N, C-alpha and C. Protein backbone atom coordinates (compact mmCIF):
# COMPACT_ATOMS: atom_id res chain seq x y z
N UNK A 1 -10.00 12.98 -3.46
CA UNK A 1 -9.52 14.52 -3.70
C UNK A 1 -10.75 15.65 -3.29
N UNK A 2 -10.10 16.63 -2.99
CA UNK A 2 -10.88 17.16 -2.78
C UNK A 2 -11.71 17.87 -3.25
N UNK A 3 -13.16 18.65 -3.63
CA UNK A 3 -13.55 19.31 -4.13
C UNK A 3 -13.71 20.77 -3.46
N UNK A 4 -13.88 21.65 -4.79
CA UNK A 4 -13.52 23.08 -4.82
C UNK A 4 -15.25 23.39 -4.61
N UNK A 5 -16.04 22.70 -4.62
CA UNK A 5 -17.67 23.23 -4.93
C UNK A 5 -17.93 24.54 -3.74
N UNK A 6 -17.17 23.78 -2.87
CA UNK A 6 -18.10 24.97 -1.53
C UNK A 6 -16.73 26.04 -1.68
N UNK A 7 -15.82 26.30 -2.75
CA UNK A 7 -15.29 27.75 -1.98
C UNK A 7 -16.43 28.31 -3.63
N UNK A 8 -17.20 28.16 -4.21
CA UNK A 8 -17.88 28.41 -5.28
C UNK A 8 -17.95 29.88 -5.15
N UNK A 9 -18.62 29.94 -3.80
CA UNK A 9 -19.59 31.36 -3.46
C UNK A 9 -18.64 32.13 -3.16
N UNK A 10 -17.34 32.28 -2.69
CA UNK A 10 -16.48 32.81 -1.79
C UNK A 10 -15.82 33.02 -3.63
N UNK A 11 -15.19 32.91 -4.67
CA UNK A 11 -15.40 32.92 -5.82
C UNK A 11 -15.38 34.02 -6.46
N UNK A 12 -17.40 33.72 -6.17
CA UNK A 12 -18.34 34.32 -7.08
C UNK A 12 -18.76 35.74 -6.45
N UNK A 13 -18.05 35.82 -5.94
CA UNK A 13 -18.20 37.59 -4.46
C UNK A 13 -17.06 37.64 -5.00
N UNK A 14 -15.96 37.00 -4.91
CA UNK A 14 -14.65 38.30 -6.05
C UNK A 14 -14.32 38.77 -6.96
N UNK A 15 -16.11 37.76 -7.78
CA UNK A 15 -15.67 38.01 -9.55
C UNK A 15 -16.47 39.36 -9.48
N UNK A 16 -17.35 39.60 -8.26
CA UNK A 16 -18.16 40.20 -8.23
C UNK A 16 -17.59 42.15 -8.15
N UNK A 17 -16.70 41.44 -6.51
CA UNK A 17 -16.06 42.60 -5.84
C UNK A 17 -15.11 42.80 -7.56
N UNK A 18 -14.33 42.27 -8.34
CA UNK A 18 -13.06 42.63 -9.38
C UNK A 18 -14.39 43.34 -9.74
N UNK A 19 -15.30 42.83 -11.09
CA UNK A 19 -16.59 44.17 -12.06
C UNK A 19 -16.04 44.81 -11.30
N UNK A 20 -16.60 45.05 -9.95
CA UNK A 20 -17.09 46.59 -9.73
C UNK A 20 -15.52 48.14 -9.73
N UNK A 21 -14.46 46.68 -9.28
CA UNK A 21 -13.93 47.93 -9.16
C UNK A 21 -13.01 48.04 -10.59
N UNK A 22 -13.04 47.53 -11.37
CA UNK A 22 -12.40 47.87 -12.77
C UNK A 22 -13.16 48.76 -13.44
N UNK A 23 -15.10 48.50 -13.07
CA UNK A 23 -15.43 49.67 -13.44
C UNK A 23 -15.41 50.85 -13.09
N UNK A 24 -14.12 50.57 -11.88
CA UNK A 24 -14.70 52.40 -10.96
C UNK A 24 -12.32 52.64 -10.97
N UNK A 25 -12.24 52.26 -12.24
CA UNK A 25 -10.87 52.65 -12.31
C UNK A 25 -10.09 53.27 -13.03
N UNK A 26 -10.85 53.57 -14.14
CA UNK A 26 -10.73 54.31 -15.44
C UNK A 26 -10.51 56.01 -14.66
N UNK A 27 -9.66 56.42 -15.16
CA UNK A 27 -9.12 57.48 -15.05
C UNK A 27 -9.77 58.94 -15.49
N UNK A 28 -10.42 60.16 -14.17
CA UNK A 28 -11.12 60.99 -14.67
C UNK A 28 -10.26 62.21 -14.18
N UNK A 29 -10.68 63.33 -14.60
CA UNK A 29 -9.55 64.81 -13.61
C UNK A 29 -9.69 65.16 -12.67
N UNK A 30 -9.33 65.49 -11.83
CA UNK A 30 -9.50 65.99 -10.75
C UNK A 30 -10.35 67.64 -10.38
N UNK A 31 -11.63 67.16 -9.52
CA UNK A 31 -12.47 68.83 -9.63
C UNK A 31 -11.33 70.10 -8.04
N UNK A 32 -11.87 71.92 -8.85
CA UNK A 32 -10.77 72.18 -8.34
C UNK A 32 -11.70 72.20 -6.55
N UNK A 33 -11.06 72.61 -5.21
CA UNK A 33 -10.73 72.76 -4.98
C UNK A 33 -11.24 73.81 -4.50
N UNK A 34 -12.69 73.63 -3.31
CA UNK A 34 -13.37 75.40 -3.32
C UNK A 34 -14.82 74.40 -2.17
N UNK A 35 -14.96 75.93 -1.56
CA UNK A 35 -15.27 75.66 -0.38
C UNK A 35 -16.76 75.52 -1.38
N UNK A 36 -17.98 74.07 -0.26
CA UNK A 36 -19.40 74.16 -0.69
C UNK A 36 -20.17 75.29 -0.03
N UNK A 37 -19.49 75.46 0.95
CA UNK A 37 -20.85 76.89 2.57
C UNK A 37 -19.90 77.37 2.65
N UNK A 38 -19.60 78.50 2.84
CA UNK A 38 -18.71 79.54 3.96
C UNK A 38 -19.37 78.53 5.06
N UNK A 39 -17.70 78.94 6.05
CA UNK A 39 -17.79 78.75 7.46
C UNK A 39 -19.29 79.26 7.85
N UNK A 40 -19.32 78.69 8.85
CA UNK A 40 -19.86 79.71 9.26
C UNK A 40 -19.29 80.93 10.56
N UNK A 41 -20.68 82.07 10.98
CA UNK A 41 -19.47 83.43 11.03
C UNK A 41 -18.94 82.94 12.40
N UNK A 42 -18.87 83.08 13.53
CA UNK A 42 -17.96 83.67 14.95
C UNK A 42 -19.40 83.41 15.52
N UNK A 43 -19.74 82.59 16.35
CA UNK A 43 -20.80 82.51 17.65
C UNK A 43 -22.07 82.32 17.03
N UNK A 44 -21.85 82.13 15.31
CA UNK A 44 -23.42 81.04 14.33
C UNK A 44 -23.34 80.19 14.48
N UNK A 45 -24.15 79.35 14.29
CA UNK A 45 -23.92 77.57 13.75
C UNK A 45 -25.18 78.06 12.11
N UNK A 46 -24.46 76.79 11.64
CA UNK A 46 -25.58 77.12 9.91
C UNK A 46 -25.58 75.70 9.74
N UNK A 47 -27.01 75.97 11.00
CA UNK A 47 -28.04 74.71 10.67
C UNK A 47 -28.93 74.54 9.11
N UNK A 48 -28.62 74.85 8.86
CA UNK A 48 -29.55 74.68 7.17
C UNK A 48 -28.88 73.71 6.41
N UNK A 49 -30.11 72.56 6.52
CA UNK A 49 -29.61 71.84 5.22
C UNK A 49 -29.45 72.19 3.60
N UNK A 50 -28.29 70.96 3.48
CA UNK A 50 -27.29 71.96 1.94
C UNK A 50 -27.64 71.33 1.31
N UNK A 51 -27.75 70.80 -0.48
CA UNK A 51 -27.54 69.87 -1.05
C UNK A 51 -26.48 70.23 -2.11
N UNK A 52 -25.50 69.32 -2.38
CA UNK A 52 -24.25 69.30 -3.55
C UNK A 52 -24.52 68.23 -3.97
N UNK A 53 -24.38 68.00 -5.67
CA UNK A 53 -24.92 66.82 -6.71
C UNK A 53 -23.41 66.89 -7.50
N UNK A 54 -22.71 65.05 -6.85
CA UNK A 54 -20.78 65.17 -7.86
C UNK A 54 -21.90 63.70 -8.43
N UNK A 55 -20.90 63.58 -8.92
CA UNK A 55 -21.56 62.56 -10.29
C UNK A 55 -19.91 61.91 -10.40
N UNK A 56 -20.06 60.66 -10.11
CA UNK A 56 -18.80 59.58 -10.49
C UNK A 56 -19.05 58.85 -11.01
N UNK A 57 -18.78 58.55 -12.28
CA UNK A 57 -18.28 58.67 -13.49
C UNK A 57 -17.74 56.79 -13.41
N UNK A 58 -17.06 57.06 -12.18
CA UNK A 58 -16.41 55.61 -12.72
C UNK A 58 -17.28 54.54 -11.77
N UNK A 59 -18.64 55.14 -11.29
CA UNK A 59 -19.32 54.31 -10.54
C UNK A 59 -20.26 53.18 -10.92
N UNK A 60 -20.04 52.10 -10.62
CA UNK A 60 -21.04 51.26 -12.00
C UNK A 60 -21.46 50.06 -11.51
N UNK A 61 -22.36 49.79 -9.94
CA UNK A 61 -23.16 49.10 -9.25
C UNK A 61 -23.29 49.78 -8.61
N UNK A 62 -24.28 49.09 -7.77
CA UNK A 62 -25.47 50.42 -6.93
C UNK A 62 -24.34 49.44 -5.64
N UNK A 63 -24.91 47.68 -5.26
CA UNK A 63 -24.08 47.49 -4.03
C UNK A 63 -22.83 47.51 -3.57
N UNK A 64 -21.55 47.21 -4.64
CA UNK A 64 -19.95 47.92 -4.36
C UNK A 64 -19.37 49.04 -4.68
N UNK A 65 -19.81 50.17 -5.19
CA UNK A 65 -19.99 50.83 -5.57
C UNK A 65 -20.76 52.43 -5.09
N UNK A 66 -21.56 52.16 -5.90
CA UNK A 66 -23.05 53.44 -4.66
C UNK A 66 -22.85 53.21 -3.14
N UNK A 67 -23.37 51.86 -3.08
CA UNK A 67 -23.32 51.55 -0.58
C UNK A 67 -21.64 51.88 -0.45
N UNK A 68 -20.67 52.13 -0.87
CA UNK A 68 -19.30 51.91 -1.01
C UNK A 68 -19.16 53.25 -0.62
N UNK A 69 -19.48 54.16 -1.00
CA UNK A 69 -19.47 55.73 -1.10
C UNK A 69 -20.14 55.99 0.04
N UNK A 70 -21.88 55.51 -0.44
CA UNK A 70 -22.56 56.26 1.04
C UNK A 70 -22.41 56.58 2.46
N UNK A 71 -21.37 55.20 2.43
CA UNK A 71 -20.96 54.60 3.50
C UNK A 71 -19.83 55.61 4.09
N UNK A 72 -18.65 55.88 3.57
CA UNK A 72 -17.88 56.60 3.89
C UNK A 72 -18.20 57.95 4.37
N UNK A 73 -18.88 58.39 3.26
CA UNK A 73 -19.60 59.98 3.63
C UNK A 73 -20.41 60.13 4.42
N UNK A 74 -21.29 59.17 4.20
CA UNK A 74 -22.10 59.32 5.98
C UNK A 74 -21.66 59.39 7.10
N UNK A 75 -20.26 58.40 6.82
CA UNK A 75 -19.66 58.73 8.28
C UNK A 75 -19.34 60.08 8.54
N UNK A 76 -18.36 60.64 7.21
CA UNK A 76 -18.42 62.92 7.91
C UNK A 76 -19.58 63.28 8.71
N UNK A 77 -18.34 63.78 9.60
CA UNK A 77 -19.43 64.26 10.06
C UNK A 77 -20.13 66.02 9.58
N UNK A 78 -21.58 65.91 9.97
CA UNK A 78 -22.57 67.03 8.66
C UNK A 78 -22.56 66.08 7.81
N UNK A 79 -22.66 65.43 7.62
CA UNK A 79 -23.29 64.80 5.64
C UNK A 79 -24.48 64.42 7.44
N UNK A 80 -25.28 64.89 6.58
CA UNK A 80 -26.88 64.12 6.14
C UNK A 80 -27.38 62.87 5.72
N UNK A 81 -27.25 62.87 4.44
CA UNK A 81 -27.42 61.56 3.40
C UNK A 81 -26.68 62.10 2.27
N UNK A 82 -26.61 60.49 1.84
CA UNK A 82 -26.03 60.18 0.93
C UNK A 82 -26.97 59.85 -0.07
N UNK A 83 -27.58 60.02 -1.34
CA UNK A 83 -28.85 59.41 -1.92
C UNK A 83 -27.63 59.62 -3.57
N UNK A 84 -29.02 58.57 -4.11
CA UNK A 84 -28.27 57.68 -5.46
C UNK A 84 -30.03 58.59 -6.61
N UNK A 85 -29.51 59.32 -7.86
CA UNK A 85 -30.35 59.45 -8.61
C UNK A 85 -30.55 58.54 -8.50
N UNK A 86 -32.17 58.45 -9.25
CA UNK A 86 -33.24 57.51 -10.17
C UNK A 86 -32.45 57.35 -11.19
N UNK A 87 -32.55 55.23 -11.41
CA UNK A 87 -31.84 55.00 -12.55
C UNK A 87 -33.04 55.13 -13.23
N UNK A 88 -32.40 53.72 -13.91
CA UNK A 88 -33.82 53.14 -15.33
C UNK A 88 -34.18 52.45 -14.57
N UNK A 89 -33.17 51.23 -14.13
CA UNK A 89 -33.55 49.82 -13.60
C UNK A 89 -33.05 49.48 -12.63
N UNK A 90 -33.56 49.00 -11.64
CA UNK A 90 -32.61 48.83 -10.04
C UNK A 90 -31.11 47.98 -9.92
N UNK A 91 -31.28 48.10 -8.76
CA UNK A 91 -29.76 47.82 -9.05
C UNK A 91 -28.69 48.06 -10.69
N UNK A 92 -29.03 48.87 -10.84
CA UNK A 92 -28.14 48.41 -12.02
C UNK A 92 -27.90 50.68 -11.95
N UNK A 93 -26.49 50.79 -12.56
CA UNK A 93 -26.08 52.57 -12.93
C UNK A 93 -25.95 52.96 -14.30
N UNK A 94 -26.78 53.72 -14.55
CA UNK A 94 -27.58 54.44 -15.52
C UNK A 94 -26.68 55.74 -15.19
N UNK A 95 -27.34 56.38 -14.23
CA UNK A 95 -26.95 57.96 -14.02
C UNK A 95 -25.93 57.47 -12.46
N UNK A 96 -24.53 58.40 -13.01
CA UNK A 96 -23.81 58.06 -11.82
C UNK A 96 -23.98 59.79 -10.82
N UNK A 97 -24.91 59.69 -11.14
CA UNK A 97 -24.71 61.31 -9.89
C UNK A 97 -25.63 61.03 -8.35
N UNK A 98 -25.18 61.60 -7.59
CA UNK A 98 -25.23 61.28 -6.00
C UNK A 98 -25.78 62.60 -5.62
N UNK A 99 -26.85 63.47 -4.59
CA UNK A 99 -27.18 63.69 -3.59
C UNK A 99 -26.62 64.31 -2.69
N UNK A 100 -25.28 64.72 -1.51
CA UNK A 100 -24.98 64.96 -0.15
C UNK A 100 -25.21 65.51 -0.02
N UNK A 101 -26.62 65.70 1.26
CA UNK A 101 -26.95 66.59 1.82
C UNK A 101 -26.08 66.59 3.05
N UNK A 102 -25.93 68.53 3.58
CA UNK A 102 -25.09 68.44 4.64
C UNK A 102 -25.28 69.47 5.66
N UNK A 103 -25.20 69.67 7.03
CA UNK A 103 -25.08 70.75 7.33
C UNK A 103 -24.18 71.27 8.65
N UNK A 104 -23.71 72.90 8.03
CA UNK A 104 -22.00 73.40 8.23
C UNK A 104 -21.55 73.72 7.03
N UNK A 105 -20.74 74.16 7.30
CA UNK A 105 -19.55 74.03 5.95
C UNK A 105 -19.29 72.55 4.65
N UNK A 106 -18.87 73.15 4.49
CA UNK A 106 -18.26 71.26 3.45
C UNK A 106 -16.81 71.72 2.58
N UNK A 107 -15.86 70.83 2.82
CA UNK A 107 -15.08 71.67 1.03
C UNK A 107 -15.18 70.05 0.52
N UNK A 108 -15.07 71.04 -0.87
CA UNK A 108 -14.98 70.33 -1.77
C UNK A 108 -14.38 69.31 -1.75
N UNK A 109 -13.04 69.30 -1.90
CA UNK A 109 -12.02 69.05 -1.65
C UNK A 109 -12.09 67.78 -0.99
N UNK A 110 -12.62 68.47 0.43
CA UNK A 110 -12.89 66.68 1.43
C UNK A 110 -13.65 65.96 1.21
N UNK A 111 -14.88 66.52 0.17
CA UNK A 111 -15.65 65.37 -0.45
C UNK A 111 -14.77 64.49 -1.39
N UNK A 112 -14.16 65.13 -2.74
CA UNK A 112 -13.21 64.27 -3.85
C UNK A 112 -12.28 63.43 -2.36
N UNK A 113 -11.71 63.95 -1.28
CA UNK A 113 -10.65 62.75 -0.49
C UNK A 113 -11.13 61.25 -0.12
N UNK A 114 -12.44 61.68 0.01
CA UNK A 114 -13.54 60.48 0.56
C UNK A 114 -13.95 59.57 0.05
N UNK A 115 -14.20 60.23 -0.99
CA UNK A 115 -14.76 59.20 -2.73
C UNK A 115 -13.51 58.89 -3.01
N UNK A 116 -12.44 59.25 -3.14
CA UNK A 116 -10.82 58.78 -3.93
C UNK A 116 -10.80 58.08 -3.08
N UNK A 117 -10.33 57.99 -1.16
CA UNK A 117 -10.80 56.64 -0.94
C UNK A 117 -11.20 55.97 -0.27
N UNK A 118 -12.79 55.55 -1.14
CA UNK A 118 -13.31 54.63 -0.62
C UNK A 118 -12.64 53.51 -2.72
N UNK A 119 -12.17 54.46 -3.58
CA UNK A 119 -11.19 53.75 -4.65
C UNK A 119 -11.77 54.06 -5.73
N UNK A 120 -12.12 55.48 -6.06
CA UNK A 120 -12.66 55.96 -6.80
C UNK A 120 -11.22 57.16 -7.22
N UNK A 121 -11.43 57.12 -8.54
CA UNK A 121 -10.52 58.10 -9.38
C UNK A 121 -10.74 59.86 -8.57
N UNK A 122 -12.07 60.16 -9.22
CA UNK A 122 -11.91 61.33 -8.80
C UNK A 122 -14.21 61.75 -8.90
N UNK A 123 -14.05 62.73 -8.92
CA UNK A 123 -15.75 63.45 -8.56
C UNK A 123 -15.77 64.77 -9.58
N UNK A 124 -16.66 64.91 -9.50
CA UNK A 124 -17.53 66.03 -10.42
C UNK A 124 -18.58 66.38 -10.04
N UNK A 125 -17.99 67.81 -9.75
CA UNK A 125 -19.15 68.78 -9.08
C UNK A 125 -20.43 69.69 -9.52
N UNK A 126 -21.42 69.23 -9.61
CA UNK A 126 -22.14 68.73 -10.62
C UNK A 126 -23.72 70.75 -10.57
N UNK A 127 -23.03 71.45 -11.22
CA UNK A 127 -23.47 72.72 -10.62
C UNK A 127 -24.72 73.26 -10.65
N UNK A 128 -25.95 73.91 -10.28
CA UNK A 128 -27.62 73.83 -10.56
C UNK A 128 -27.36 74.18 -11.24
N UNK A 129 -28.35 73.95 -12.52
CA UNK A 129 -28.79 74.94 -12.91
C UNK A 129 -30.29 75.23 -13.20
N UNK A 130 -30.47 75.47 -12.28
CA UNK A 130 -32.25 75.33 -11.92
C UNK A 130 -33.39 74.44 -10.99
N UNK A 131 -34.52 74.49 -10.18
CA UNK A 131 -35.32 74.37 -9.47
C UNK A 131 -36.66 74.10 -9.72
């Protein structure tokens, strides 16, 4: 009779991924498509670092959810960094806000497409209320 004990870490890993996906599978309303920054004018480059704040309400964990979003967004040309807002407890998400820093023109629809492609239903763009 074969023991399934060697397979238990695999099942545990799958369980963690599934739990993260369940938390990331709640429908949310879609954001409108609008440019975040205007395209650079002909002959000039917009190299100023800019940041947009997004909220991914269905993001429930750092390891699977945030790291997946970060990986997908940072592969996009122009995106310099993707940072998670401060959390009360390390490893747990109680604030689903993400800061995306980029150079050049960036389209809200493109950011949303990338996040949805990573397995999330939608994102919300958070407008600045003063710094």
